[in-house]
Amino acid sequence: MARSIPISLIGPDELDAQLEELTPAQAAWIRVQGFRAGAGKAVSVPDDTGAIARVLVGTGTPEARRRQRFLLADFAAKAPEGLYQLETELDPETARIEALGWHLAQYKYTRYTGAPLGLRVLLTPDSVDNAEIDLLVEGSNLARDLINTPANDMGPDALEQAARELAARHGAEVTVIAGDDLLEQNFPLIHTVGRAAARAPRLIEMRWGEGPEIALVGKGVCFDTGGLNLKPATGMKLMKKDMGGAAAILGLASMVMTSGLKVSLRVLIPAVENAVSGSAMRPGDVLRSRKGLSVEVNNTDAEGRLVLADALAYASEGTPGLVIDMATLTGAARVALGPDLPPLYTDDDALAGDILEGGVLMADPVWPMPLWPGYETDIEPDIADLDNAPSGGFAGSITAALFLKRFVNTSAWAHFDIYGWAPKALPGRPKGGECQAARAVFAMLKKRYG
């Protein structure tokens, strides 16, 4: 085996003692580099030949550590190829999180460039479950790949193919209802949203495993023009990521199936493009949903909640012990919490507690938001049962969640209004498509069903 390069995590108060253990030349090198053991800051220490003898990574102050999820990840993204070993004695939870961050930082989207991936291997303490790290990273990177793929190569048909490939790896079954068959089988909202596009809308369903039934629903709007309420160029630029909910759900499904959780898994993805043509839905149209509720379309750009409504109603027709949905649903969620902290909506306090605990455990934070009943009247127009886009703009993420709640028949339901994108590179999160909330939910499922 090749020689491994040791990595030591040190705090600012430990730096002087560390320098005394090195050669004068190495200590001088570290000082020249300006290394002060700040959180996540790294310095490579050369040996007499100029090769890397060891790496020091700072832990910073307690306040700085609270602001950063991973300490090793920034170095992991930039390190020369090679074999590294975490030398510092760490508690098992810290070691696991740092190993996870290291591997998440290795991601690079290379479909169109063919750029080679550098191989940076981290040897971890025996306390780290490397098999679980691998399945978490595999699921996260699947979601990242799907989101990063532009809409010309990731339409509803390609999203279906991705689901079929994942299912084939795990012996799952996939059924698809597409085009006008959606009308015949009573999925009118999915059909209406997607009918204007050249690639047919569809509902993708995957089933796997035995045990308590859990339903995972992901918004699969592969590109969103806004429909007749057309988005401006700036608003349309990132709309390849509008299937980020479906991508995160497929990443989560990958984690569940690879881990072998004892559940009956049901994955539902309404896959559509919100396009413009003569058959596009219009502002003011009143649509009938699978559940029978009528919906007034006051903005064709609020289409995600429409396709989710039919899928959530379908999920609730079985006997699910738990329903989870993820969607890149509202800009209001980003105004409230920013791009890095997805809102969580649920009336089930125990479920919320387990998910929040999982978010901490998996360095995948979410934040609880209220399904405030005082805003129910905002989604109730005079002409129909529901309004897909209440006027005024207040509490947009909450009213969207309240809209979805009308289509779910169980209190064991959680909705995540994710962003699905890292607008700038952060430790463990390269710029681009990002799998949010999936690891937090997986930790909850593992606790309940593992």
Protein backbone atom coordinates (compact mmCIF):
# COMPACT_ATOMS: atom_id res chain seq x y z
CA MET A 1 0.00 0.00 0.00
CA ALA A 2 1.20 3.53 -0.75
CA ARG A 3 2.36 5.65 2.14
CA SER A 4 -0.49 7.56 3.73
CA ILE A 5 -0.17 11.21 4.59
CA PRO A 6 -1.25 11.91 8.18
CA ILE A 7 -3.79 14.66 8.84
CA SER A 8 -3.93 16.29 12.26
CA LEU A 9 -6.79 18.46 13.48
CA ILE A 10 -5.49 21.12 15.83
CA GLY A 11 -6.93 24.12 17.62
CA PRO A 12 -5.33 27.56 17.83
CA ASP A 13 -4.23 26.89 21.42
CA GLU A 14 -2.44 23.71 20.30
CA LEU A 15 -0.49 25.24 17.45
CA ASP A 16 2.63 26.28 19.37
CA ALA A 17 3.01 22.81 20.88
CA GLN A 18 2.58 21.25 17.42
CA LEU A 19 5.27 23.48 15.93
CA GLU A 20 7.73 22.37 18.59
CA GLU A 21 7.36 18.77 17.40
CA LEU A 22 8.36 19.69 13.84
CA THR A 23 11.73 20.56 12.40
CA PRO A 24 12.75 24.22 12.49
CA ALA A 25 12.36 24.40 8.72
CA GLN A 26 8.83 22.95 8.88
CA ALA A 27 7.82 25.28 11.71
CA ALA A 28 9.17 28.24 9.75
CA TRP A 29 7.24 27.12 6.67
CA ILE A 30 3.97 27.01 8.63
CA ARG A 31 4.57 30.48 10.05
CA VAL A 32 5.36 31.87 6.60
CA GLN A 33 2.10 30.41 5.29
CA GLY A 34 0.22 32.38 7.93
CA PHE A 35 -1.48 29.30 9.32
CA ARG A 36 -3.29 30.06 12.58
CA ALA A 37 -5.42 26.90 12.89
CA GLY A 38 -8.60 28.68 11.83
CA ALA A 39 -11.67 26.48 11.30
CA GLY A 40 -11.13 24.38 8.17
CA LYS A 41 -7.90 26.12 7.23
CA ALA A 42 -5.16 23.73 6.15
CA VAL A 43 -1.43 23.75 5.56
CA SER A 44 0.67 21.02 3.96
CA VAL A 45 4.00 20.44 5.71
CA PRO A 46 6.88 19.35 3.41
CA ASP A 47 9.61 16.88 4.22
CA ASP A 48 13.27 17.23 3.20
CA THR A 49 12.47 16.15 -0.37
CA GLY A 50 9.60 18.58 -0.81
CA ALA A 51 6.92 15.87 -0.59
CA ILE A 52 3.99 16.33 1.80
CA ALA A 53 5.00 14.95 5.20
CA ARG A 54 1.74 15.78 6.96
CA VAL A 55 -1.25 18.09 6.83
CA LEU A 56 -2.50 20.31 9.63
CA VAL A 57 -6.15 21.35 9.60
CA GLY A 58 -7.41 23.92 12.06
CA THR A 59 -10.47 23.50 14.23
CA GLY A 60 -10.75 27.21 14.97
CA THR A 61 -12.69 28.75 17.81
CA PRO A 62 -15.94 27.23 19.11
CA GLU A 63 -17.84 30.10 17.49
CA ALA A 64 -16.18 29.49 14.13
CA ARG A 65 -16.90 25.75 14.33
CA ARG A 66 -20.61 26.47 14.82
CA ARG A 67 -20.59 28.26 11.49
CA GLN A 68 -19.08 25.40 9.51
CA ARG A 69 -20.38 21.87 8.97
CA PHE A 70 -17.16 20.17 7.95
CA LEU A 71 -13.52 20.91 8.86
CA LEU A 72 -11.71 18.59 6.43
CA ALA A 73 -13.90 19.22 3.40
CA ASP A 74 -12.25 22.39 2.10
CA PHE A 75 -8.84 20.72 2.06
CA ALA A 76 -10.38 17.53 0.65
CA ALA A 77 -11.64 19.42 -2.41
CA LYS A 78 -8.20 20.89 -3.16
CA ALA A 79 -5.78 18.23 -1.95
CA PRO A 80 -3.32 16.55 -4.30
CA GLU A 81 -4.30 13.02 -5.25
CA GLY A 82 -3.14 10.49 -2.71
CA LEU A 83 -3.80 8.47 0.40
CA TYR A 84 -4.50 10.35 3.63
CA GLN A 85 -5.07 9.17 7.18
CA LEU A 86 -6.95 10.94 9.91
CA GLU A 87 -4.41 10.83 12.71
CA THR A 88 -6.05 12.88 15.43
CA GLU A 89 -8.00 11.05 18.12
CA LEU A 90 -11.60 12.08 17.50
CA ASP A 91 -14.85 11.06 19.11
CA PRO A 92 -16.83 8.70 16.84
CA GLU A 93 -19.43 11.28 15.84
CA THR A 94 -16.85 13.88 14.83
CA ALA A 95 -14.84 11.29 12.91
CA ARG A 96 -17.96 10.19 11.04
CA ILE A 97 -18.97 13.72 10.11
CA GLU A 98 -15.47 14.59 8.91
CA ALA A 99 -15.29 11.42 6.82
CA LEU A 100 -18.68 12.28 5.30
CA GLY A 101 -17.56 15.82 4.50
CA TRP A 102 -14.34 14.53 2.93
CA HIS A 103 -16.23 12.28 0.53
CA LEU A 104 -18.96 14.82 -0.29
CA ALA A 105 -16.23 17.29 -1.21
CA GLN A 106 -14.85 14.96 -3.87
CA TYR A 107 -17.87 15.44 -6.13
CA LYS A 108 -17.41 16.93 -9.58
CA TYR A 109 -19.86 17.00 -12.47
CA THR A 110 -17.98 15.78 -15.53
CA ARG A 111 -20.64 14.61 -18.01
CA TYR A 112 -19.77 17.16 -20.68
CA THR A 113 -16.09 17.85 -19.99
CA GLY A 114 -14.77 14.35 -19.37
CA ALA A 115 -12.42 15.86 -16.81
CA PRO A 116 -10.76 13.15 -14.71
CA LEU A 117 -11.64 12.91 -11.04
CA GLY A 118 -8.71 13.10 -8.66
CA LEU A 119 -8.54 10.17 -6.27
CA ARG A 120 -8.15 11.35 -2.69
CA VAL A 121 -8.62 8.45 -0.27
CA LEU A 122 -9.11 9.00 3.46
CA LEU A 123 -8.30 6.26 5.96
CA THR A 124 -10.57 6.65 8.97
CA PRO A 125 -10.74 5.28 12.53
CA ASP A 126 -12.44 1.93 13.10
CA SER A 127 -15.42 3.77 14.63
CA VAL A 128 -16.45 5.10 11.20
CA ASP A 129 -18.98 2.99 9.31
CA ASN A 130 -17.50 3.43 5.85
CA ALA A 131 -20.27 1.42 4.20
CA GLU A 132 -22.85 3.91 5.46
CA ILE A 133 -20.68 6.84 4.39
CA ASP A 134 -20.51 5.32 0.91
CA LEU A 135 -24.29 4.92 0.59
CA LEU A 136 -24.92 8.46 1.84
CA VAL A 137 -22.44 9.89 -0.66
CA GLU A 138 -23.72 7.69 -3.50
CA GLY A 139 -27.30 8.87 -2.95
CA SER A 140 -26.24 12.50 -2.58
CA ASN A 141 -24.15 12.40 -5.74
CA LEU A 142 -26.95 10.75 -7.71
CA ALA A 143 -29.16 13.71 -6.84
CA ARG A 144 -26.39 16.18 -7.69
CA ASP A 145 -25.83 14.57 -11.09
CA LEU A 146 -29.53 14.69 -11.94
CA ILE A 147 -29.90 18.34 -10.94
CA ASN A 148 -26.74 19.44 -12.76
CA THR A 149 -27.84 17.82 -16.02
CA PRO A 150 -29.45 20.45 -18.28
CA ALA A 151 -33.03 20.04 -19.42
CA ASN A 152 -32.15 19.04 -22.97
CA ASP A 153 -30.74 15.82 -21.47
CA MET A 154 -32.94 15.64 -18.36
CA GLY A 155 -36.54 15.83 -19.47
CA PRO A 156 -39.37 13.69 -18.09
CA ASP A 157 -38.24 10.78 -20.25
CA ALA A 158 -34.65 10.96 -18.95
CA LEU A 159 -35.85 11.29 -15.36
CA GLU A 160 -37.90 8.14 -15.91
CA GLN A 161 -34.80 6.39 -17.24
CA ALA A 162 -32.80 7.45 -14.19
CA ALA A 163 -35.49 5.98 -11.93
CA ARG A 164 -35.49 2.75 -13.94
CA GLU A 165 -31.70 2.45 -13.69
CA LEU A 166 -31.80 2.96 -9.93
CA ALA A 167 -34.61 0.42 -9.62
CA ALA A 168 -32.71 -2.15 -11.70
CA ARG A 169 -29.73 -1.93 -9.35
CA HIS A 170 -31.91 -2.81 -6.38
CA GLY A 171 -34.55 -5.12 -7.81
CA ALA A 172 -37.32 -2.54 -7.51
CA GLU A 173 -40.36 -2.35 -9.78
CA VAL A 174 -41.22 0.71 -11.86
CA THR A 175 -44.52 1.61 -13.50
CA VAL A 176 -45.15 4.75 -15.53
CA ILE A 177 -48.36 6.49 -16.56
CA ALA A 178 -47.68 8.94 -19.38
CA GLY A 179 -49.42 11.32 -21.75
CA ASP A 180 -53.19 11.05 -22.12
CA ASP A 181 -53.18 7.93 -19.95
CA LEU A 182 -52.83 10.35 -17.05
CA LEU A 183 -56.34 11.59 -17.82
CA GLU A 184 -57.74 8.09 -18.14
CA GLN A 185 -56.26 7.14 -14.76
CA ASN A 186 -57.30 10.37 -13.05
CA PHE A 187 -54.17 12.45 -12.72
CA PRO A 188 -55.58 15.60 -14.31
CA LEU A 189 -53.28 18.16 -12.69
CA ILE A 190 -50.09 16.36 -13.74
CA HIS A 191 -51.43 16.13 -17.28
CA THR A 192 -52.51 19.77 -17.42
CA VAL A 193 -49.17 21.14 -16.21
CA GLY A 194 -47.16 19.04 -18.66
CA ARG A 195 -49.39 18.87 -21.73
CA ALA A 196 -47.87 21.93 -23.47
CA ALA A 197 -44.41 20.34 -23.71
CA ALA A 198 -43.09 18.17 -26.53
CA ARG A 199 -42.00 15.49 -24.05
CA ALA A 200 -45.04 13.90 -22.46
CA PRO A 201 -45.80 14.34 -18.76
CA ARG A 202 -45.75 11.22 -16.64
CA LEU A 203 -46.11 9.80 -13.16
CA ILE A 204 -43.21 7.52 -12.25
CA GLU A 205 -43.82 5.00 -9.48
CA MET A 206 -41.19 2.76 -7.90
CA ARG A 207 -41.89 0.01 -5.37
CA TRP A 208 -39.34 -1.90 -3.29
CA GLY A 209 -39.06 -3.95 -0.14
CA GLU A 210 -41.36 -5.30 2.55
CA GLY A 211 -42.48 -3.82 5.83
CA PRO A 212 -44.31 -0.66 6.91
CA GLU A 213 -45.22 1.44 3.90
CA ILE A 214 -43.50 4.78 3.43
CA ALA A 215 -44.23 7.03 0.46
CA LEU A 216 -41.64 9.43 -0.93
CA VAL A 217 -42.90 12.06 -3.37
CA GLY A 218 -40.63 14.38 -5.37
CA LYS A 219 -41.46 17.32 -7.61
CA GLY A 220 -40.06 16.51 -11.05
CA VAL A 221 -40.52 19.70 -13.07
CA CYS A 222 -37.62 19.17 -15.44
CA PHE A 223 -37.76 22.72 -16.72
CA ASP A 224 -40.01 25.58 -15.70
CA THR A 225 -40.58 28.45 -18.11
CA GLY A 226 -43.32 29.75 -15.84
CA GLY A 227 -45.88 28.84 -18.48
CA LEU A 228 -47.97 31.72 -19.81
CA ASN A 229 -46.91 33.68 -16.72
CA LEU A 230 -43.48 33.55 -18.32
CA LYS A 231 -40.42 33.95 -16.12
CA PRO A 232 -37.84 36.61 -17.01
CA ALA A 233 -34.45 35.42 -18.23
CA THR A 234 -32.88 35.72 -14.79
CA GLY A 235 -35.66 33.64 -13.25
CA MET A 236 -35.42 30.94 -15.91
CA LYS A 237 -31.65 30.53 -15.84
CA LEU A 238 -31.55 27.85 -13.14
CA MET A 239 -34.81 26.12 -13.89
CA LYS A 240 -33.07 22.90 -14.83
CA LYS A 241 -32.95 22.44 -11.04
CA ASP A 242 -36.74 22.55 -10.67
CA MET A 243 -36.71 18.76 -10.53
CA GLY A 244 -34.47 18.98 -7.45
CA GLY A 245 -37.18 17.48 -5.25
CA ALA A 246 -37.38 14.39 -7.47
CA ALA A 247 -33.58 14.17 -7.51
CA ALA A 248 -33.38 14.35 -3.71
CA ILE A 249 -36.11 11.72 -3.37
CA LEU A 250 -34.26 9.37 -5.74
CA GLY A 251 -31.08 9.99 -3.74
CA LEU A 252 -32.98 9.16 -0.56
CA ALA A 253 -34.48 6.05 -2.16
CA SER A 254 -30.96 4.95 -3.10
CA MET A 255 -29.89 5.30 0.55
CA VAL A 256 -32.92 3.35 1.80
CA MET A 257 -32.50 0.48 -0.67
CA THR A 258 -28.72 0.20 -0.32
CA SER A 259 -29.03 0.08 3.46
CA GLY A 260 -31.73 -2.60 3.28
CA LEU A 261 -34.19 -0.89 5.61
CA LYS A 262 -37.18 -3.07 6.44
CA VAL A 263 -39.80 -0.95 4.75
CA SER A 264 -42.18 -1.11 1.83
CA LEU A 265 -40.86 1.80 -0.18
CA ARG A 266 -43.08 3.66 -2.61
CA VAL A 267 -41.55 6.45 -4.67
CA LEU A 268 -43.77 8.79 -6.71
CA ILE A 269 -42.39 11.36 -9.14
CA PRO A 270 -44.67 13.53 -11.25
CA ALA A 271 -42.29 14.39 -14.13
CA VAL A 272 -43.27 17.27 -16.40
CA GLU A 273 -42.04 20.36 -18.22
CA ASN A 274 -43.92 23.59 -17.69
CA ALA A 275 -43.80 24.87 -21.26
CA VAL A 276 -45.59 27.38 -23.46
CA SER A 277 -47.77 26.35 -26.42
CA GLY A 278 -51.34 26.59 -27.57
CA SER A 279 -52.35 23.85 -25.14
CA ALA A 280 -50.76 25.46 -22.07
CA MET A 281 -52.96 26.10 -19.06
CA ARG A 282 -54.04 29.71 -18.63
CA PRO A 283 -54.26 32.09 -15.68
CA GLY A 284 -57.83 31.92 -14.46
CA ASP A 285 -58.42 28.31 -15.47
CA VAL A 286 -60.17 26.15 -12.89
CA LEU A 287 -58.84 22.60 -12.76
CA ARG A 288 -60.14 19.45 -11.15
CA SER A 289 -57.66 17.40 -9.10
CA ARG A 290 -57.43 13.67 -8.47
CA LYS A 291 -58.87 14.21 -5.01
CA GLY A 292 -61.85 16.04 -6.49
CA LEU A 293 -60.90 19.47 -5.16
CA SER A 294 -61.08 22.27 -7.71
CA VAL A 295 -58.11 24.61 -8.12
CA GLU A 296 -58.11 28.10 -9.61
CA VAL A 297 -54.87 28.79 -11.48
CA ASN A 298 -53.98 32.37 -10.61
CA ASN A 299 -50.37 31.92 -11.73
CA THR A 300 -49.14 29.25 -14.14
CA ASP A 301 -45.70 29.58 -12.52
CA ALA A 302 -47.05 27.96 -9.35
CA GLU A 303 -47.20 24.59 -11.10
CA GLY A 304 -45.15 22.46 -8.72
CA ARG A 305 -47.86 22.28 -6.10
CA LEU A 306 -50.32 21.17 -8.78
CA VAL A 307 -48.35 18.10 -9.86
CA LEU A 308 -47.55 17.28 -6.24
CA ALA A 309 -51.24 17.51 -5.33
CA ASP A 310 -52.19 14.60 -7.59
CA ALA A 311 -49.16 12.56 -6.49
CA LEU A 312 -49.79 13.18 -2.77
CA ALA A 313 -53.47 12.26 -3.16
CA TYR A 314 -52.40 9.03 -4.86
CA ALA A 315 -49.84 8.30 -2.13
CA SER A 316 -52.53 8.77 0.51
CA GLU A 317 -54.87 6.27 -1.12
CA GLY A 318 -52.73 3.39 0.10
CA THR A 319 -51.87 2.70 3.72
CA PRO A 320 -48.71 4.73 4.21
CA GLY A 321 -47.39 5.00 7.73
CA LEU A 322 -45.43 8.00 6.55
CA VAL A 323 -45.50 10.40 3.58
CA ILE A 324 -42.51 12.60 2.75
CA ASP A 325 -42.40 15.10 -0.10
CA MET A 326 -39.56 17.28 -1.35
CA ALA A 327 -39.86 20.12 -3.82
CA THR A 328 -38.08 23.20 -5.09
CA LEU A 329 -41.37 24.92 -4.46
CA THR A 330 -41.12 28.61 -3.53
CA GLY A 331 -38.80 31.55 -3.70
CA ALA A 332 -40.37 32.63 -0.42
CA ALA A 333 -38.56 29.80 1.34
CA ARG A 334 -35.23 31.21 0.17
CA VAL A 335 -36.19 34.71 1.29
CA ALA A 336 -37.04 33.32 4.74
CA LEU A 337 -34.17 30.89 5.28
CA GLY A 338 -31.68 31.31 2.44
CA PRO A 339 -30.41 28.63 0.05
CA ASP A 340 -28.66 26.44 2.63
CA LEU A 341 -31.44 25.73 5.14
CA PRO A 342 -34.59 24.00 3.84
CA PRO A 343 -37.90 24.59 5.63
CA LEU A 344 -39.65 21.57 7.14
CA TYR A 345 -43.42 21.48 7.50
CA THR A 346 -45.29 18.88 9.53
CA ASP A 347 -47.98 18.70 12.22
CA ASP A 348 -46.36 15.59 13.70
CA ASP A 349 -44.11 16.82 16.50
CA ALA A 350 -42.44 13.44 17.00
CA LEU A 351 -41.67 13.21 13.30
CA ALA A 352 -40.27 16.74 13.28
CA GLY A 353 -38.09 15.91 16.27
CA ASP A 354 -36.67 12.79 14.64
CA ILE A 355 -35.94 14.64 11.39
CA LEU A 356 -34.25 17.53 13.17
CA GLU A 357 -32.17 15.05 15.14
CA GLY A 358 -31.25 13.33 11.88
CA GLY A 359 -30.25 16.66 10.37
CA VAL A 360 -27.76 17.24 13.17
CA LEU A 361 -26.48 13.67 12.97
CA MET A 362 -25.94 13.87 9.20
CA ALA A 363 -24.78 17.50 8.92
CA ASP A 364 -27.89 18.07 6.79
CA PRO A 365 -29.82 20.77 8.65
CA VAL A 366 -33.46 21.68 8.16
CA TRP A 367 -35.62 24.18 10.01
CA PRO A 368 -39.20 23.69 11.30
CA MET A 369 -41.85 26.08 9.97
CA PRO A 370 -45.51 26.41 10.95
CA LEU A 371 -48.51 25.10 9.08
CA TRP A 372 -50.29 28.16 10.39
CA PRO A 373 -54.08 27.65 10.17
CA GLY A 374 -54.67 31.39 10.21
CA TYR A 375 -53.48 31.49 6.59
CA GLU A 376 -55.89 28.82 5.36
CA THR A 377 -58.30 31.43 4.01
CA ASP A 378 -55.54 32.77 1.74
CA ILE A 379 -55.69 29.61 -0.38
CA GLU A 380 -59.51 29.57 -0.62
CA PRO A 381 -60.78 31.68 -3.54
CA ASP A 382 -64.43 32.39 -4.24
CA ILE A 383 -64.58 30.50 -7.54
CA ALA A 384 -62.94 27.19 -6.56
CA ASP A 385 -61.92 25.13 -3.55
CA LEU A 386 -58.28 26.22 -3.72
CA ASP A 387 -56.07 28.95 -5.14
CA ASN A 388 -52.66 27.89 -6.43
CA ALA A 389 -51.09 31.35 -6.01
CA PRO A 390 -52.62 33.64 -3.37
CA SER A 391 -52.19 37.33 -4.09
CA GLY A 392 -50.15 39.57 -1.84
CA GLY A 393 -46.99 37.49 -1.62
CA PHE A 394 -47.06 37.10 2.16
CA ALA A 395 -46.08 33.74 3.74
CA GLY A 396 -45.63 32.15 0.33
CA SER A 397 -43.84 29.05 1.55
CA ILE A 398 -46.43 28.47 4.29
CA THR A 399 -49.43 28.88 1.99
CA ALA A 400 -47.83 26.48 -0.51
CA ALA A 401 -47.41 23.91 2.27
CA LEU A 402 -51.01 24.45 3.39
CA PHE A 403 -52.12 23.85 -0.21
CA LEU A 404 -50.30 20.50 -0.30
CA LYS A 405 -51.69 19.52 3.10
CA ARG A 406 -55.20 19.48 1.60
CA PHE A 407 -54.21 16.45 -0.50
CA VAL A 408 -52.70 14.30 2.28
CA ASN A 409 -54.85 12.08 4.46
CA THR A 410 -52.35 11.36 7.22
CA SER A 411 -50.79 13.53 9.92
CA ALA A 412 -47.56 11.54 9.47
CA TRP A 413 -46.54 13.82 6.61
CA ALA A 414 -43.54 16.08 6.15
CA HIS A 415 -42.93 18.59 3.37
CA PHE A 416 -39.54 20.08 2.50
CA ASP A 417 -39.31 23.26 0.43
CA ILE A 418 -35.71 22.76 -0.73
CA TYR A 419 -33.53 24.93 -2.96
CA GLY A 420 -31.54 22.04 -4.46
CA TRP A 421 -28.59 24.22 -5.40
CA ALA A 422 -25.38 25.54 -3.86
CA PRO A 423 -24.98 29.06 -5.31
CA LYS A 424 -21.37 29.17 -4.13
CA ALA A 425 -18.87 26.50 -3.15
CA LEU A 426 -18.87 25.68 0.56
CA PRO A 427 -17.01 22.94 2.43
CA GLY A 428 -18.54 19.62 1.34
CA ARG A 429 -20.92 21.38 -1.05
CA PRO A 430 -19.42 22.19 -4.46
CA LYS A 431 -21.24 24.88 -6.42
CA GLY A 432 -24.18 23.42 -8.34
CA GLY A 433 -26.86 20.83 -7.70
CA GLU A 434 -27.19 19.86 -4.05
CA CYS A 435 -29.03 17.03 -2.31
CA GLN A 436 -30.81 18.63 0.62
CA ALA A 437 -32.76 17.03 3.48
CA ALA A 438 -32.30 13.46 2.16
CA ARG A 439 -29.64 12.48 4.71
CA ALA A 440 -31.70 13.96 7.53
CA VAL A 441 -34.73 11.92 6.47
CA PHE A 442 -32.63 8.80 6.03
CA ALA A 443 -31.37 9.11 9.60
CA MET A 444 -34.97 9.37 10.79
CA LEU A 445 -35.98 6.31 8.77
CA LYS A 446 -33.00 4.34 10.03
CA LYS A 447 -33.92 5.21 13.62
CA ARG A 448 -37.52 4.12 13.11
CA TYR A 449 -37.13 1.15 10.77
CA GLY A 450 -33.46 0.12 10.92
